[in-house]
């Protein structure tokens, strides 16, 4: 897999959201046992690779600059007295 630190922030956030959306375990999934792919990509949070991927991703994002949302930026400008 490509080094995550070279990914743009938007792509990292997309991956973070995808990891967060995963189901906890196969027993909580709607998938049939035949549909569960062993050894492929991470499908469940119970997979030990999930916690490693999540920690790696969070450590990279923690080093990135936080950018305020458009609304937060506008509110900050109003509070500072400029529009």
C-alpha atoms as a PDB file:
ATOM      1  CA  UNK A   1       0.000   0.000   0.000  1.00  0.00           C
ATOM      2  CA  UNK A   2       1.113   3.528  -0.722  1.00  0.00           C
ATOM      3  CA  UNK A   3       2.574   5.537   2.149  1.00  0.00           C
ATOM      4  CA  UNK A   4      -0.376   7.281   3.814  1.00  0.00           C
ATOM      5  CA  UNK A   5       1.666  10.357   4.723  1.00  0.00           C
ATOM      6  CA  UNK A   6       1.793  11.298   1.036  1.00  0.00           C
ATOM      7  CA  UNK A   7      -2.014  11.182   0.702  1.00  0.00           C
ATOM      8  CA  UNK A   8      -3.934  14.476   0.674  1.00  0.00           C
ATOM      9  CA  UNK A   9      -5.940  15.219   3.822  1.00  0.00           C
ATOM     10  CA  UNK A  10      -9.269  14.833   2.043  1.00  0.00           C
ATOM     11  CA  UNK A  11      -8.391  11.287   1.000  1.00  0.00           C
ATOM     12  CA  UNK A  12      -7.191  10.437   4.523  1.00  0.00           C
ATOM     13  CA  UNK A  13     -10.459  11.713   5.972  1.00  0.00           C
ATOM     14  CA  UNK A  14     -12.360   9.575   3.494  1.00  0.00           C
ATOM     15  CA  UNK A  15     -10.422   6.515   4.601  1.00  0.00           C
ATOM     16  CA  UNK A  16     -11.044   7.423   8.255  1.00  0.00           C
ATOM     17  CA  UNK A  17     -14.791   7.651   7.607  1.00  0.00           C
ATOM     18  CA  UNK A  18     -14.729   4.312   5.790  1.00  0.00           C
ATOM     19  CA  UNK A  19     -12.950   2.666   8.736  1.00  0.00           C
ATOM     20  CA  UNK A  20     -15.438   4.171  11.181  1.00  0.00           C
ATOM     21  CA  UNK A  21     -18.413   2.882   9.164  1.00  0.00           C
ATOM     22  CA  UNK A  22     -17.309  -0.742   9.350  1.00  0.00           C
ATOM     23  CA  UNK A  23     -19.405  -3.169  11.397  1.00  0.00           C
ATOM     24  CA  UNK A  24     -17.899  -4.421  14.669  1.00  0.00           C
ATOM     25  CA  UNK A  25     -17.790  -8.136  13.848  1.00  0.00           C
ATOM     26  CA  UNK A  26     -19.072 -10.770  11.404  1.00  0.00           C
ATOM     27  CA  UNK A  27     -21.777 -11.784  13.888  1.00  0.00           C
ATOM     28  CA  UNK A  28     -23.242  -8.255  13.714  1.00  0.00           C
ATOM     29  CA  UNK A  29     -23.104  -8.157   9.931  1.00  0.00           C
ATOM     30  CA  UNK A  30     -25.830  -8.842   7.378  1.00  0.00           C
ATOM     31  CA  UNK A  31     -23.316 -10.752   5.261  1.00  0.00           C
ATOM     32  CA  UNK A  32     -23.651 -14.477   4.746  1.00  0.00           C
ATOM     33  CA  UNK A  33     -20.592 -16.489   5.826  1.00  0.00           C
ATOM     34  CA  UNK A  34     -19.858 -17.239   2.158  1.00  0.00           C
ATOM     35  CA  UNK A  35     -19.747 -13.485   1.419  1.00  0.00           C
ATOM     36  CA  UNK A  36     -17.077 -12.720   4.010  1.00  0.00           C
ATOM     37  CA  UNK A  37     -13.688 -12.509   2.330  1.00  0.00           C
ATOM     38  CA  UNK A  38     -10.881 -13.759   4.532  1.00  0.00           C
ATOM     39  CA  UNK A  39      -7.523 -12.051   4.152  1.00  0.00           C
ATOM     40  CA  UNK A  40      -8.776  -9.408   1.744  1.00  0.00           C
ATOM     41  CA  UNK A  41      -9.339  -5.811   2.806  1.00  0.00           C
ATOM     42  CA  UNK A  42     -10.472  -4.971   6.317  1.00  0.00           C
ATOM     43  CA  UNK A  43     -14.199  -5.695   6.635  1.00  0.00           C
ATOM     44  CA  UNK A  44     -14.810  -5.537  10.393  1.00  0.00           C
ATOM     45  CA  UNK A  45     -13.548  -3.574  13.365  1.00  0.00           C
ATOM     46  CA  UNK A  46     -12.777  -6.848  15.141  1.00  0.00           C
ATOM     47  CA  UNK A  47     -10.003  -7.472  12.585  1.00  0.00           C
ATOM     48  CA  UNK A  48      -6.652  -6.721  14.297  1.00  0.00           C
ATOM     49  CA  UNK A  49      -5.593  -4.800  11.188  1.00  0.00           C
ATOM     50  CA  UNK A  50      -8.448  -2.318  11.795  1.00  0.00           C
ATOM     51  CA  UNK A  51      -6.956  -0.939  15.013  1.00  0.00           C
ATOM     52  CA  UNK A  52      -3.507  -0.651  13.415  1.00  0.00           C
ATOM     53  CA  UNK A  53      -4.918   1.106  10.341  1.00  0.00           C
ATOM     54  CA  UNK A  54      -6.986   3.443  12.520  1.00  0.00           C
ATOM     55  CA  UNK A  55      -4.038   4.333  14.781  1.00  0.00           C
ATOM     56  CA  UNK A  56      -1.728   4.926  11.804  1.00  0.00           C
ATOM     57  CA  UNK A  57      -4.282   7.126  10.107  1.00  0.00           C
ATOM     58  CA  UNK A  58      -5.021   9.138  13.246  1.00  0.00           C
ATOM     59  CA  UNK A  59      -1.308   9.703  13.922  1.00  0.00           C
ATOM     60  CA  UNK A  60      -0.857  11.159  10.426  1.00  0.00           C
ATOM     61  CA  UNK A  61      -3.977  13.325  10.681  1.00  0.00           C
ATOM     62  CA  UNK A  62      -2.926  14.599  14.120  1.00  0.00           C
ATOM     63  CA  UNK A  63       0.176  16.089  12.489  1.00  0.00           C
ATOM     64  CA  UNK A  64      -1.830  17.881   9.794  1.00  0.00           C
ATOM     65  CA  UNK A  65      -2.928  21.481  10.101  1.00  0.00           C
ATOM     66  CA  UNK A  66      -6.522  21.910  11.215  1.00  0.00           C
ATOM     67  CA  UNK A  67      -8.524  23.985   8.779  1.00  0.00           C
ATOM     68  CA  UNK A  68     -11.637  25.665  10.079  1.00  0.00           C
ATOM     69  CA  UNK A  69     -14.843  25.024   8.228  1.00  0.00           C
ATOM     70  CA  UNK A  70     -16.320  27.851   6.191  1.00  0.00           C
ATOM     71  CA  UNK A  71     -18.929  28.567   8.850  1.00  0.00           C
ATOM     72  CA  UNK A  72     -16.401  28.517  11.705  1.00  0.00           C
ATOM     73  CA  UNK A  73     -14.105  30.809   9.726  1.00  0.00           C
ATOM     74  CA  UNK A  74     -16.944  33.253   9.016  1.00  0.00           C
ATOM     75  CA  UNK A  75     -18.004  33.297  12.676  1.00  0.00           C
ATOM     76  CA  UNK A  76     -14.416  33.936  13.756  1.00  0.00           C
ATOM     77  CA  UNK A  77     -14.137  36.897  11.352  1.00  0.00           C
ATOM     78  CA  UNK A  78     -17.403  38.353  12.619  1.00  0.00           C
ATOM     79  CA  UNK A  79     -16.237  37.950  16.200  1.00  0.00           C
ATOM     80  CA  UNK A  80     -12.975  39.743  15.337  1.00  0.00           C
ATOM     81  CA  UNK A  81     -14.984  42.593  13.872  1.00  0.00           C
ATOM     82  CA  UNK A  82     -14.208  42.070  10.227  1.00  0.00           C
ATOM     83  CA  UNK A  83     -16.437  40.712   7.535  1.00  0.00           C
END
